[in-house]
Amino acid sequence: MAKKGTIGIIAGIVGVSAIIGIFSPKKTVESINLSIPNSQTEYDINTEIPIEISVLPEGVDTSTLEYISDDGITFTESKIITGNMEGTYYFYITSGDIKSNVLRIRVVDIATREEAVARWLEQEQATKEAKAQQLAEEQASKEAEAQRLAEEQAAKEAEAQRQAEEQAAKEAEAQRQAEEQAAKEAEVQRQAEEQAAGQAAQNAQTSEQIEGPSDTQNSNSGASGDPGNFNTYDNPSQQQTEAIYVLNTHTLKIHHPSCSSVKKIAPQNYATSNSSLDDLISQGYSTCGNCFK
């Protein structure tokens, strides 16, 4: 009987527990929080990202959790798997009316980006080198142009120098020829003067032979015609003249006033002149052989 009573008590307890279990309310999700350990600004394509999920209260049934994400990534209860498309993706969890915080990740193709950056750097380096080459060529062109202009200027100056030297040589040659011509003319003049002097000396000798008697004869004739005059025609006053030359109009001789023959000239044959020697010679006069030695 005792055993039956014990068995009945146990059965009653089990039954009550079952009834309590049936009628006790289940725990529901009150909050959900998502986080990414060691979060990064960007993630590579085809990469697993661990996700930490915190659901309260503890021990709640998580079978009602729904994992929601944008197309292009896969969201499970412990991780995100990125696809092969770059972009910005959002994901979160819901349970009934409860919604977790929304997380965002930026997915990039790091290899492609690195290749693009490498290409860009190469292009940038090539651009810099091309620019440097262009600047170097422009500088070389400027220097070449400056060199050309300098050579052109030097050539002009050399040509001007050559022309100046050529002109100086022509002028020197003209001067030499002029001096040579002048020397020839001077020599001709000297020879002419020498010849004229010789001729004058010859004429003087001839006139000396005839001048004295003629003057004496004219003096005697004058003396006989004019008793008041000197009988010998010795008239020193005829030498006292300011004229350049004294002329004997009978013998056609030219005397200096100081010549001793001047005082012996018959008064009617006496004349003075300031004409040039050449002018008097052109009139038929010749120089005295005594005073023009």
Foldseek 3Di string as FASTA:
>chain_A
DVVVVVVVVVVVVVVVVVVCVVPPDADDWDAKEKDFPPDDQADEAQDKTFMDIDTPPPPHDCPQKDKDKDPQWDDDPTIITGHHDFDKMKIWIDRVPYTYDIDIHGYDNVVVVVVVVVVVVVVVVVVVVVVVVVVVVVVVVVVVVVVVVVVVVVVVVVVVVVVVVVVVVVVVVVVVVVVVVVVVVVVVVVVVVVVLLVVLLVLQVVCVVPVQVVLLVLLCVVCVVPVVDDSQQQALVQLPDPAQWKAQQVSLETHGSPDNCRSSHHPVRIDGHNDDPVVSVVVVHGYHNPHVD
